[in-house]
PDB file of all heavy atoms in Angstrom:
ATOM      1  N   GLU A   1       0.809  -1.222   0.011  1.00  0.00           N
ATOM      2  CA  GLU A   1       0.010   0.018  -0.013  1.00  0.00           C
ATOM      3  C   GLU A   1       0.866   1.238  -0.002  1.00  0.00           C
ATOM      4  O   GLU A   1       0.619   2.205  -0.741  1.00  0.00           O
ATOM      5  CB  GLU A   1      -0.920   0.004   1.239  1.00  0.00           C
ATOM      6  CG  GLU A   1      -1.885   1.184   1.255  1.00  0.00           C
ATOM      7  CD  GLU A   1      -2.759   1.134   2.440  1.00  0.00           C
ATOM      8  OE1 GLU A   1      -2.873   0.045   3.126  1.00  0.00           O
ATOM      9  OE2 GLU A   1      -3.394   2.156   2.765  1.00  0.00           O
ATOM     10  N   LYS A   2       1.910   1.254   0.824  1.00  0.00           N
ATOM     11  CA  LYS A   2       2.772   2.454   0.865  1.00  0.00           C
ATOM     12  C   LYS A   2       3.565   2.579  -0.444  1.00  0.00           C
ATOM     13  O   LYS A   2       3.825   3.704  -0.917  1.00  0.00           O
ATOM     14  CB  LYS A   2       3.761   2.320   2.045  1.00  0.00           C
ATOM     15  CG  LYS A   2       3.072   2.544   3.423  1.00  0.00           C
ATOM     16  CD  LYS A   2       4.104   2.579   4.545  1.00  0.00           C
ATOM     17  CE  LYS A   2       3.376   2.880   5.883  1.00  0.00           C
ATOM     18  NZ  LYS A   2       4.329   3.018   7.025  1.00  0.00           N
ATOM     19  N   SER A   3       3.938   1.458  -1.000  1.00  0.00           N
ATOM     20  CA  SER A   3       4.729   1.514  -2.249  1.00  0.00           C
ATOM     21  C   SER A   3       3.924   2.044  -3.404  1.00  0.00           C
ATOM     22  O   SER A   3       4.366   2.810  -4.250  1.00  0.00           O
ATOM     23  CB  SER A   3       5.252   0.133  -2.567  1.00  0.00           C
ATOM     24  OG  SER A   3       6.208  -0.346  -1.529  1.00  0.00           O
ATOM     25  N   ARG A   4       2.607   1.632  -3.496  1.00  0.00           N
ATOM     26  CA  ARG A   4       1.723   2.140  -4.499  1.00  0.00           C
ATOM     27  C   ARG A   4       1.604   3.694  -4.368  1.00  0.00           C
ATOM     28  O   ARG A   4       1.600   4.431  -5.338  1.00  0.00           O
ATOM     29  CB  ARG A   4       0.397   1.462  -4.451  1.00  0.00           C
ATOM     30  CG  ARG A   4       0.342   0.079  -5.078  1.00  0.00           C
ATOM     31  CD  ARG A   4      -1.070  -0.406  -5.191  1.00  0.00           C
ATOM     32  NE  ARG A   4      -1.650  -0.716  -3.892  1.00  0.00           N
ATOM     33  CZ  ARG A   4      -1.644  -1.919  -3.318  1.00  0.00           C
ATOM     34  NH1 ARG A   4      -1.068  -2.929  -3.991  1.00  0.00           N
ATOM     35  NH2 ARG A   4      -2.177  -2.151  -2.147  1.00  0.00           N
ATOM     36  N   ARG A   5       1.395   4.110  -3.124  1.00  0.00           N
ATOM     37  CA  ARG A   5       1.252   5.547  -2.847  1.00  0.00           C
ATOM     38  C   ARG A   5       2.545   6.284  -3.257  1.00  0.00           C
ATOM     39  O   ARG A   5       2.475   7.345  -3.818  1.00  0.00           O
ATOM     40  CB  ARG A   5       1.003   5.726  -1.349  1.00  0.00           C
ATOM     41  CG  ARG A   5       0.900   7.210  -0.901  1.00  0.00           C
ATOM     42  CD  ARG A   5       1.104   7.304   0.626  1.00  0.00           C
ATOM     43  NE  ARG A   5       2.462   6.934   1.005  1.00  0.00           N
ATOM     44  CZ  ARG A   5       2.870   6.790   2.284  1.00  0.00           C
ATOM     45  NH1 ARG A   5       2.005   6.903   3.274  1.00  0.00           N
ATOM     46  NH2 ARG A   5       4.081   6.471   2.544  1.00  0.00           N
ATOM     47  N   ASN A   6       3.659   5.724  -2.866  1.00  0.00           N
ATOM     48  CA  ASN A   6       4.935   6.454  -3.102  1.00  0.00           C
ATOM     49  C   ASN A   6       5.428   6.465  -4.538  1.00  0.00           C
ATOM     50  O   ASN A   6       5.964   7.439  -5.010  1.00  0.00           O
ATOM     51  CB  ASN A   6       6.069   5.768  -2.321  1.00  0.00           C
ATOM     52  CG  ASN A   6       5.876   5.982  -0.804  1.00  0.00           C
ATOM     53  OD1 ASN A   6       5.066   6.787  -0.373  1.00  0.00           O
ATOM     54  ND2 ASN A   6       6.675   5.227  -0.037  1.00  0.00           N
ATOM     55  N   LEU A   7       5.075   5.397  -5.308  1.00  0.00           N
ATOM     56  CA  LEU A   7       5.659   5.271  -6.684  1.00  0.00           C
ATOM     57  C   LEU A   7       5.232   6.441  -7.605  1.00  0.00           C
ATOM     58  O   LEU A   7       6.023   6.957  -8.297  1.00  0.00           O
ATOM     59  CB  LEU A   7       5.292   3.933  -7.293  1.00  0.00           C
ATOM     60  CG  LEU A   7       5.941   3.645  -8.610  1.00  0.00           C
ATOM     61  CD1 LEU A   7       7.484   3.677  -8.535  1.00  0.00           C
ATOM     62  CD2 LEU A   7       5.488   2.260  -9.147  1.00  0.00           C
ATOM     63  N   SER A   8       3.958   6.826  -7.554  1.00  0.00           N
ATOM     64  CA  SER A   8       3.505   7.887  -8.437  1.00  0.00           C
ATOM     65  C   SER A   8       4.237   9.216  -8.089  1.00  0.00           C
ATOM     66  O   SER A   8       4.562   9.945  -9.000  1.00  0.00           O
ATOM     67  CB  SER A   8       1.979   8.038  -8.341  1.00  0.00           C
ATOM     68  OG  SER A   8       1.617   8.369  -7.048  1.00  0.00           O
ATOM     69  N   VAL A   9       4.444   9.467  -6.823  1.00  0.00           N
ATOM     70  CA  VAL A   9       5.129  10.675  -6.410  1.00  0.00           C
ATOM     71  C   VAL A   9       6.593  10.633  -6.861  1.00  0.00           C
ATOM     72  O   VAL A   9       7.117  11.628  -7.344  1.00  0.00           O
ATOM     73  CB  VAL A   9       5.046  10.889  -4.858  1.00  0.00           C
ATOM     74  CG1 VAL A   9       5.756  12.171  -4.468  1.00  0.00           C
ATOM     75  CG2 VAL A   9       3.611  10.923  -4.438  1.00  0.00           C
ATOM     76  N   ILE A  10       7.213   9.459  -6.678  1.00  0.00           N
ATOM     77  CA  ILE A  10       8.634   9.274  -7.088  1.00  0.00           C
ATOM     78  C   ILE A  10       8.793   9.506  -8.557  1.00  0.00           C
ATOM     79  O   ILE A  10       9.681  10.236  -9.088  1.00  0.00           O
ATOM     80  CB  ILE A  10       9.154   7.904  -6.672  1.00  0.00           C
ATOM     81  CG1 ILE A  10       9.200   7.777  -5.179  1.00  0.00           C
ATOM     82  CG2 ILE A  10      10.509   7.624  -7.301  1.00  0.00           C
ATOM     83  CD1 ILE A  10       9.425   6.351  -4.692  1.00  0.00           C
ATOM     84  N   GLU A  11       7.908   8.917  -9.366  1.00  0.00           N
ATOM     85  CA  GLU A  11       8.012   9.088 -10.833  1.00  0.00           C
ATOM     86  C   GLU A  11       7.807  10.556 -11.261  1.00  0.00           C
ATOM     87  O   GLU A  11       8.528  11.046 -12.096  1.00  0.00           O
ATOM     88  CB  GLU A  11       6.952   8.261 -11.537  1.00  0.00           C
ATOM     89  CG  GLU A  11       7.096   6.764 -11.340  1.00  0.00           C
ATOM     90  CD  GLU A  11       8.176   6.138 -12.146  1.00  0.00           C
ATOM     91  OE1 GLU A  11       9.063   6.887 -12.692  1.00  0.00           O
ATOM     92  OE2 GLU A  11       8.250   4.928 -12.285  1.00  0.00           O
ATOM     93  N   ARG A  12       6.935  11.265 -10.600  1.00  0.00           N
ATOM     94  CA  ARG A  12       6.708  12.675 -10.884  1.00  0.00           C
ATOM     95  C   ARG A  12       7.971  13.476 -10.514  1.00  0.00           C
ATOM     96  O   ARG A  12       8.449  14.311 -11.277  1.00  0.00           O
ATOM     97  CB  ARG A  12       5.502  13.225 -10.069  1.00  0.00           C
ATOM     98  CG  ARG A  12       5.168  14.687 -10.366  1.00  0.00           C
ATOM     99  CD  ARG A  12       4.301  15.250  -9.313  1.00  0.00           C
ATOM    100  NE  ARG A  12       5.042  15.406  -8.068  1.00  0.00           N
ATOM    101  CZ  ARG A  12       4.450  15.523  -6.844  1.00  0.00           C
ATOM    102  NH1 ARG A  12       3.105  15.384  -6.797  1.00  0.00           N
ATOM    103  NH2 ARG A  12       5.113  15.684  -5.787  1.00  0.00           N
ATOM    104  N   GLU A  13       8.540  13.201  -9.358  1.00  0.00           N
ATOM    105  CA  GLU A  13       9.777  13.872  -8.913  1.00  0.00           C
ATOM    106  C   GLU A  13      10.949  13.604  -9.794  1.00  0.00           C
ATOM    107  O   GLU A  13      11.779  14.496 -10.040  1.00  0.00           O
ATOM    108  CB  GLU A  13      10.070  13.540  -7.427  1.00  0.00           C
ATOM    109  CG  GLU A  13       9.073  14.100  -6.389  1.00  0.00           C
ATOM    110  CD  GLU A  13       9.085  15.630  -6.494  1.00  0.00           C
ATOM    111  OE1 GLU A  13      10.106  16.277  -6.101  1.00  0.00           O
ATOM    112  OE2 GLU A  13       8.038  16.188  -6.827  1.00  0.00           O
ATOM    113  N   LEU A  14      11.037  12.389 -10.299  1.00  0.00           N
ATOM    114  CA  LEU A  14      12.149  12.101 -11.198  1.00  0.00           C
ATOM    115  C   LEU A  14      12.055  12.858 -12.510  1.00  0.00           C
ATOM    116  O   LEU A  14      13.087  13.317 -13.073  1.00  0.00           O
ATOM    117  CB  LEU A  14      12.185  10.591 -11.532  1.00  0.00           C
ATOM    118  CG  LEU A  14      13.061   9.703 -10.634  1.00  0.00           C
ATOM    119  CD1 LEU A  14      12.824   8.218 -10.918  1.00  0.00           C
ATOM    120  CD2 LEU A  14      14.558  10.086 -10.872  1.00  0.00           C
ATOM    121  N   GLU A  15      10.807  13.062 -12.984  1.00  0.00           N
ATOM    122  CA  GLU A  15      10.651  13.861 -14.170  1.00  0.00           C
ATOM    123  C   GLU A  15      11.091  15.323 -13.938  1.00  0.00           C
ATOM    124  O   GLU A  15      11.659  15.977 -14.806  1.00  0.00           O
ATOM    125  CB  GLU A  15       9.223  13.807 -14.662  1.00  0.00           C
ATOM    126  CG  GLU A  15       8.847  12.455 -15.285  1.00  0.00           C
ATOM    127  CD  GLU A  15       7.448  12.502 -15.863  1.00  0.00           C
ATOM    128  OE1 GLU A  15       6.858  13.609 -15.921  1.00  0.00           O
ATOM    129  OE2 GLU A  15       6.900  11.405 -16.215  1.00  0.00           O
ATOM    130  N   LEU A  16      10.703  15.828 -12.753  1.00  0.00           N
ATOM    131  CA  LEU A  16      11.000  17.236 -12.394  1.00  0.00           C
ATOM    132  C   LEU A  16      12.484  17.421 -12.042  1.00  0.00           C
ATOM    133  O   LEU A  16      13.072  18.444 -12.317  1.00  0.00           O
ATOM    134  CB  LEU A  16      10.106  17.724 -11.280  1.00  0.00           C
ATOM    135  CG  LEU A  16       8.600  17.761 -11.591  1.00  0.00           C
ATOM    136  CD1 LEU A  16       7.841  18.072 -10.272  1.00  0.00           C
ATOM    137  CD2 LEU A  16       8.355  18.887 -12.620  1.00  0.00           C
ATOM    138  N   HIS A  17      13.067  16.376 -11.344  1.00  0.00           N
ATOM    139  CA  HIS A  17      14.396  16.546 -10.821  1.00  0.00           C
ATOM    140  C   HIS A  17      15.253  15.302 -11.147  1.00  0.00           C
ATOM    141  O   HIS A  17      15.611  14.497 -10.262  1.00  0.00           O
ATOM    142  CB  HIS A  17      14.363  16.768  -9.295  1.00  0.00           C
ATOM    143  CG  HIS A  17      13.461  17.864  -8.878  1.00  0.00           C
ATOM    144  ND1 HIS A  17      13.830  19.191  -9.048  1.00  0.00           N
ATOM    145  CD2 HIS A  17      12.228  17.892  -8.278  1.00  0.00           C
ATOM    146  CE1 HIS A  17      12.840  20.005  -8.594  1.00  0.00           C
ATOM    147  NE2 HIS A  17      11.871  19.216  -8.107  1.00  0.00           N
ATOM    148  N   PRO A  18      15.580  15.114 -12.429  1.00  0.00           N
ATOM    149  CA  PRO A  18      16.370  13.898 -12.788  1.00  0.00           C
ATOM    150  C   PRO A  18      17.730  13.892 -12.109  1.00  0.00           C
ATOM    151  O   PRO A  18      18.359  12.816 -12.054  1.00  0.00           O
ATOM    152  CB  PRO A  18      16.452  13.999 -14.301  1.00  0.00           C
ATOM    153  CG  PRO A  18      16.248  15.476 -14.615  1.00  0.00           C
ATOM    154  CD  PRO A  18      15.274  15.923 -13.568  1.00  0.00           C
ATOM    155  N   GLU A  19      18.225  14.980 -11.625  1.00  0.00           N
ATOM    156  CA  GLU A  19      19.531  14.999 -11.005  1.00  0.00           C
ATOM    157  C   GLU A  19      19.522  14.393  -9.606  1.00  0.00           C
ATOM    158  O   GLU A  19      20.599  14.098  -8.989  1.00  0.00           O
ATOM    159  CB  GLU A  19      20.021  16.488 -10.870  1.00  0.00           C
ATOM    160  CG  GLU A  19      19.409  17.382  -9.859  1.00  0.00           C
ATOM    161  CD  GLU A  19      17.938  17.837 -10.189  1.00  0.00           C
ATOM    162  OE1 GLU A  19      17.508  17.534 -11.318  1.00  0.00           O
ATOM    163  OE2 GLU A  19      17.338  18.541  -9.370  1.00  0.00           O
ATOM    164  N   GLN A  20      18.353  14.206  -9.037  1.00  0.00           N
ATOM    165  CA  GLN A  20      18.259  13.598  -7.682  1.00  0.00           C
ATOM    166  C   GLN A  20      18.275  12.108  -7.793  1.00  0.00           C
ATOM    167  O   GLN A  20      17.253  11.416  -7.781  1.00  0.00           O
ATOM    168  CB  GLN A  20      16.955  14.067  -6.993  1.00  0.00           C
ATOM    169  CG  GLN A  20      16.947  15.643  -6.724  1.00  0.00           C
ATOM    170  CD  GLN A  20      15.718  16.068  -5.947  1.00  0.00           C
ATOM    171  OE1 GLN A  20      14.932  15.254  -5.481  1.00  0.00           O
ATOM    172  NE2 GLN A  20      15.554  17.350  -5.866  1.00  0.00           N
ATOM    173  N   VAL A  21      19.499  11.591  -7.867  1.00  0.00           N
ATOM    174  CA  VAL A  21      19.675  10.171  -8.212  1.00  0.00           C
ATOM    175  C   VAL A  21      19.229   9.240  -7.092  1.00  0.00           C
ATOM    176  O   VAL A  21      18.894   8.073  -7.430  1.00  0.00           O
ATOM    177  CB  VAL A  21      21.168   9.873  -8.548  1.00  0.00           C
ATOM    178  CG1 VAL A  21      21.620  10.533  -9.787  1.00  0.00           C
ATOM    179  CG2 VAL A  21      22.077  10.221  -7.349  1.00  0.00           C
ATOM    180  N   GLU A  22      19.050   9.695  -5.883  1.00  0.00           N
ATOM    181  CA  GLU A  22      18.549   8.832  -4.793  1.00  0.00           C
ATOM    182  C   GLU A  22      17.128   8.369  -5.124  1.00  0.00           C
ATOM    183  O   GLU A  22      16.645   7.354  -4.652  1.00  0.00           O
ATOM    184  CB  GLU A  22      18.598   9.517  -3.466  1.00  0.00           C
ATOM    185  CG  GLU A  22      17.643  10.700  -3.248  1.00  0.00           C
ATOM    186  CD  GLU A  22      18.216  12.039  -3.651  1.00  0.00           C
ATOM    187  OE1 GLU A  22      19.301  12.079  -4.363  1.00  0.00           O
ATOM    188  OE2 GLU A  22      17.629  13.087  -3.284  1.00  0.00           O
ATOM    189  N   LEU A  23      16.368   9.182  -5.985  1.00  0.00           N
ATOM    190  CA  LEU A  23      15.049   8.771  -6.372  1.00  0.00           C
ATOM    191  C   LEU A  23      15.036   7.453  -7.164  1.00  0.00           C
ATOM    192  O   LEU A  23      14.043   6.720  -7.141  1.00  0.00           O
ATOM    193  CB  LEU A  23      14.343   9.855  -7.127  1.00  0.00           C
ATOM    194  CG  LEU A  23      14.031  11.161  -6.384  1.00  0.00           C
ATOM    195  CD1 LEU A  23      13.592  12.246  -7.318  1.00  0.00           C
ATOM    196  CD2 LEU A  23      12.962  10.907  -5.323  1.00  0.00           C
ATOM    197  N   LEU A  24      16.141   7.174  -7.860  1.00  0.00           N
ATOM    198  CA  LEU A  24      16.263   5.922  -8.568  1.00  0.00           C
ATOM    199  C   LEU A  24      16.200   4.727  -7.569  1.00  0.00           C
ATOM    200  O   LEU A  24      15.563   3.704  -7.877  1.00  0.00           O
ATOM    201  CB  LEU A  24      17.597   5.870  -9.370  1.00  0.00           C
ATOM    202  CG  LEU A  24      17.728   6.892 -10.479  1.00  0.00           C
ATOM    203  CD1 LEU A  24      19.123   6.872 -10.991  1.00  0.00           C
ATOM    204  CD2 LEU A  24      16.735   6.535 -11.616  1.00  0.00           C
ATOM    205  N   PHE A  25      16.857   4.875  -6.451  1.00  0.00           N
ATOM    206  CA  PHE A  25      16.826   3.856  -5.458  1.00  0.00           C
ATOM    207  C   PHE A  25      15.375   3.681  -4.890  1.00  0.00           C
ATOM    208  O   PHE A  25      14.902   2.563  -4.802  1.00  0.00           O
ATOM    209  CB  PHE A  25      17.755   4.176  -4.267  1.00  0.00           C
ATOM    210  CG  PHE A  25      17.468   3.387  -3.015  1.00  0.00           C
ATOM    211  CD1 PHE A  25      17.851   2.046  -2.980  1.00  0.00           C
ATOM    212  CD2 PHE A  25      16.761   3.945  -1.989  1.00  0.00           C
ATOM    213  CE1 PHE A  25      17.488   1.294  -1.844  1.00  0.00           C
ATOM    214  CE2 PHE A  25      16.440   3.186  -0.825  1.00  0.00           C
ATOM    215  CZ  PHE A  25      16.824   1.894  -0.784  1.00  0.00           C
ATOM    216  N   TYR A  26      14.761   4.790  -4.606  1.00  0.00           N
ATOM    217  CA  TYR A  26      13.421   4.691  -3.994  1.00  0.00           C
ATOM    218  C   TYR A  26      12.433   4.134  -5.033  1.00  0.00           C
ATOM    219  O   TYR A  26      11.508   3.402  -4.667  1.00  0.00           O
ATOM    220  CB  TYR A  26      12.971   6.086  -3.491  1.00  0.00           C
ATOM    221  CG  TYR A  26      13.727   6.541  -2.291  1.00  0.00           C
ATOM    222  CD1 TYR A  26      14.474   7.722  -2.284  1.00  0.00           C
ATOM    223  CD2 TYR A  26      13.782   5.780  -1.133  1.00  0.00           C
ATOM    224  CE1 TYR A  26      15.149   8.158  -1.161  1.00  0.00           C
ATOM    225  CE2 TYR A  26      14.478   6.205  -0.022  1.00  0.00           C
ATOM    226  CZ  TYR A  26      15.181   7.367  -0.045  1.00  0.00           C
ATOM    227  OH  TYR A  26      15.911   7.768   1.037  1.00  0.00           O
ATOM    228  N   ARG A  27      12.596   4.417  -6.291  1.00  0.00           N
ATOM    229  CA  ARG A  27      11.716   3.825  -7.325  1.00  0.00           C
ATOM    230  C   ARG A  27      11.947   2.340  -7.385  1.00  0.00           C
ATOM    231  O   ARG A  27      11.020   1.557  -7.422  1.00  0.00           O
ATOM    232  CB  ARG A  27      12.056   4.430  -8.685  1.00  0.00           C
ATOM    233  CG  ARG A  27      11.168   3.889  -9.812  1.00  0.00           C
ATOM    234  CD  ARG A  27      11.380   4.528 -11.139  1.00  0.00           C
ATOM    235  NE  ARG A  27      12.715   4.292 -11.657  1.00  0.00           N
ATOM    236  CZ  ARG A  27      13.175   4.815 -12.784  1.00  0.00           C
ATOM    237  NH1 ARG A  27      12.444   5.598 -13.493  1.00  0.00           N
ATOM    238  NH2 ARG A  27      14.392   4.554 -13.255  1.00  0.00           N
ATOM    239  N   GLY A  28      13.251   1.923  -7.369  1.00  0.00           N
ATOM    240  CA  GLY A  28      13.529   0.485  -7.367  1.00  0.00           C
ATOM    241  C   GLY A  28      12.983  -0.220  -6.188  1.00  0.00           C
ATOM    242  O   GLY A  28      12.471  -1.354  -6.288  1.00  0.00           O
ATOM    243  N   HIS A  29      13.066   0.419  -5.002  1.00  0.00           N
ATOM    244  CA  HIS A  29      12.535  -0.216  -3.799  1.00  0.00           C
ATOM    245  C   HIS A  29      11.020  -0.377  -3.869  1.00  0.00           C
ATOM    246  O   HIS A  29      10.468  -1.437  -3.564  1.00  0.00           O
ATOM    247  CB  HIS A  29      12.890   0.694  -2.621  1.00  0.00           C
ATOM    248  CG  HIS A  29      12.541   0.093  -1.292  1.00  0.00           C
ATOM    249  ND1 HIS A  29      13.196  -1.006  -0.792  1.00  0.00           N
ATOM    250  CD2 HIS A  29      11.684   0.465  -0.285  1.00  0.00           C
ATOM    251  CE1 HIS A  29      12.725  -1.335   0.359  1.00  0.00           C
ATOM    252  NE2 HIS A  29      11.806  -0.467   0.743  1.00  0.00           N
ATOM    253  N   SER A  30      10.316   0.610  -4.363  1.00  0.00           N
ATOM    254  CA  SER A  30       8.848   0.531  -4.499  1.00  0.00           C
ATOM    255  C   SER A  30       8.485  -0.513  -5.524  1.00  0.00           C
ATOM    256  O   SER A  30       7.518  -1.282  -5.333  1.00  0.00           O
ATOM    257  CB  SER A  30       8.266   1.867  -4.868  1.00  0.00           C
ATOM    258  OG  SER A  30       8.432   2.825  -3.835  1.00  0.00           O
ATOM    259  N   LEU A  31       9.184  -0.546  -6.631  1.00  0.00           N
ATOM    260  CA  LEU A  31       8.916  -1.527  -7.691  1.00  0.00           C
ATOM    261  C   LEU A  31       9.042  -2.941  -7.221  1.00  0.00           C
ATOM    262  O   LEU A  31       8.281  -3.857  -7.505  1.00  0.00           O
ATOM    263  CB  LEU A  31       9.808  -1.269  -8.890  1.00  0.00           C
ATOM    264  CG  LEU A  31       9.480  -0.052  -9.748  1.00  0.00           C
ATOM    265  CD1 LEU A  31      10.621   0.261 -10.684  1.00  0.00           C
ATOM    266  CD2 LEU A  31       8.145  -0.194 -10.524  1.00  0.00           C
ATOM    267  N   ALA A  32      10.119  -3.190  -6.424  1.00  0.00           N
ATOM    268  CA  ALA A  32      10.342  -4.499  -5.841  1.00  0.00           C
ATOM    269  C   ALA A  32       9.187  -4.917  -4.915  1.00  0.00           C
ATOM    270  O   ALA A  32       8.663  -6.019  -4.989  1.00  0.00           O
ATOM    271  CB  ALA A  32      11.658  -4.551  -5.062  1.00  0.00           C
ATOM    272  N   ASN A  33       8.733  -3.967  -4.115  1.00  0.00           N
ATOM    273  CA  ASN A  33       7.607  -4.255  -3.205  1.00  0.00           C
ATOM    274  C   ASN A  33       6.328  -4.597  -3.972  1.00  0.00           C
ATOM    275  O   ASN A  33       5.405  -5.282  -3.451  1.00  0.00           O
ATOM    276  CB  ASN A  33       7.376  -3.134  -2.275  1.00  0.00           C
ATOM    277  CG  ASN A  33       8.526  -2.994  -1.266  1.00  0.00           C
ATOM    278  OD1 ASN A  33       9.182  -3.954  -0.951  1.00  0.00           O
ATOM    279  ND2 ASN A  33       8.667  -1.777  -0.748  1.00  0.00           N
ATOM    280  N   LEU A  34       6.215  -4.044  -5.174  1.00  0.00           N
ATOM    281  CA  LEU A  34       5.018  -4.300  -6.014  1.00  0.00           C
ATOM    282  C   LEU A  34       5.174  -5.493  -6.917  1.00  0.00           C
ATOM    283  O   LEU A  34       4.316  -5.736  -7.775  1.00  0.00           O
ATOM    284  CB  LEU A  34       4.689  -3.001  -6.789  1.00  0.00           C
ATOM    285  CG  LEU A  34       4.288  -1.807  -5.928  1.00  0.00           C
ATOM    286  CD1 LEU A  34       4.186  -0.564  -6.773  1.00  0.00           C
ATOM    287  CD2 LEU A  34       2.989  -2.093  -5.235  1.00  0.00           C
ATOM    288  N   GLY A  35       6.283  -6.197  -6.822  1.00  0.00           N
ATOM    289  CA  GLY A  35       6.475  -7.392  -7.616  1.00  0.00           C
ATOM    290  C   GLY A  35       7.023  -7.159  -9.030  1.00  0.00           C
ATOM    291  O   GLY A  35       7.089  -8.104  -9.828  1.00  0.00           O
ATOM    292  N   ARG A  36       7.394  -5.960  -9.335  1.00  0.00           N
ATOM    293  CA  ARG A  36       7.883  -5.617 -10.682  1.00  0.00           C
ATOM    294  C   ARG A  36       9.431  -5.740 -10.657  1.00  0.00           C
ATOM    295  O   ARG A  36      10.191  -4.734 -10.635  1.00  0.00           O
ATOM    296  CB  ARG A  36       7.419  -4.226 -11.105  1.00  0.00           C
ATOM    297  CG  ARG A  36       5.919  -4.135 -11.262  1.00  0.00           C
ATOM    298  CD  ARG A  36       5.308  -2.737 -11.209  1.00  0.00           C
ATOM    299  NE  ARG A  36       5.804  -1.929 -12.268  1.00  0.00           N
ATOM    300  CZ  ARG A  36       5.378  -0.661 -12.440  1.00  0.00           C
ATOM    301  NH1 ARG A  36       4.474  -0.100 -11.622  1.00  0.00           N
ATOM    302  NH2 ARG A  36       5.814   0.099 -13.438  1.00  0.00           N
TER     303      ARG A  36
END
């Protein structure tokens, strides 16, 4: 549930701030929790 909530925000922030590479980690973490 938390991963679904977070992923859309992370994807939006990556589009706005691609230089914030830590978002790549958080995206990967959420995707793993969702089975992707």
